[in-house]
Amino acid sequence: MSERSDRLSVFKTYKLYVGGKFPRSESGRVYEVTDSKGKWLANAPQSSRKDARDAVVAARKAFGGWSGATAYNRGQILYRIAEMLEGRRDQFVREVAEAEGLSKSKAAAVVDAAVDRWVWYAGWTDKIAQIVGGANPVAGPFLNLSTPEPTGVVTVLAPQESSFLGLVSVLAPVIAAGNTAVVVASAQSPLPALSLGEVLATSDLPGGVVNILSGKTAEIAAPLASHQDVNGIDLTGADADLAKELEIAAADNLKRVRRPSVARHHPEKEAHSAAHPQAVDGDDWSADPGTHRLTAFLETKTVWHPTGALGVSGSSY
């Protein structure tokens, strides 16, 4: 059977991902998303303040179950997400190539690196406590134990230039540590992030653990930075002026704030920003991520427990 050449194209409708569902923006607004050459790709939902508040409600509702799950179980779920990403590799290669102006081979390398990073963070869920917690030596008949606990609901401003690898690099450690997240996708390249929501919805991740919003970063981030039920904010995707405003707003309820990396001025990198998206964001997303993003939104709980004493010799157990 010959393929029909007069077939109408079926364009994809991108939606937000909030509470495990796919709502349109409460405002009904959309904005045009174009590729690196200005060609129209799709209309993305333009989130409102109400969408941001709804996302926080969903994240808070999911926090108890997600933070209370075993670290091993969280690792299994993150690995399942990596499996799902691998199964939709071709779609993400196309979207990343269009978003960042990369060749198909370079976009494939970016997507492969993002999948590998999901697997890497999946392996850390039940190990991070071993490097940031432990038994503390104290003078007295006490046991003194420190253990890490998740901060809570964290707003993540995704990198503007690295639409997928950068997104995974800032999101995966937040949820691997047991937090729930409200993600503000790259304003100029939101499509890979919105497609990630479809992957999360069909994995084992409980609804509300990750919520993805698209639109103008400053418009969405402002109500999230001042929201009293948000416990932390990662300012990676904010420019210097916006980051300063958001940090001031975040101080109202003593949010934990992760400041954006300072981009160094490299004219040769800026000229090739399409091939090196990390140069504009100030982070090298292809580098070894280390554990600093895992620990950025962890709190340390220390428990003292008496050991007691045995006999007149003063020995204890």
Foldseek 3Di string as FASTA:
>chain_A
DDDDPPDDDDADDFAWAAQLDGDAAPVNDWDFAFFPVRHTRYTYGAHAQVLLVRLLVLQQVCQVVQQPDALLVLLVLLLQLLVLLVVCLVVQLVLLCRHLVHDSVLSSVLSVLLSVVSNVLSVCLNPPQVVVWDWDDDPAQKTKTKGKGFQEEEEEEFAQNRQGLSRSLQPNLNSSLRYAYEYEGRANRPVSVSVSSVSSSPTPNRGSSYTYHYHDCLRSLQSVLQPLSHQAYECLHPDPVSQVVSVVSNPPNDHQYHYHADQDDDVVCVVVCSSQVCNVSNDRSSDDSPCCSNCSRIDMDMDMDGQDADDPVGHTD
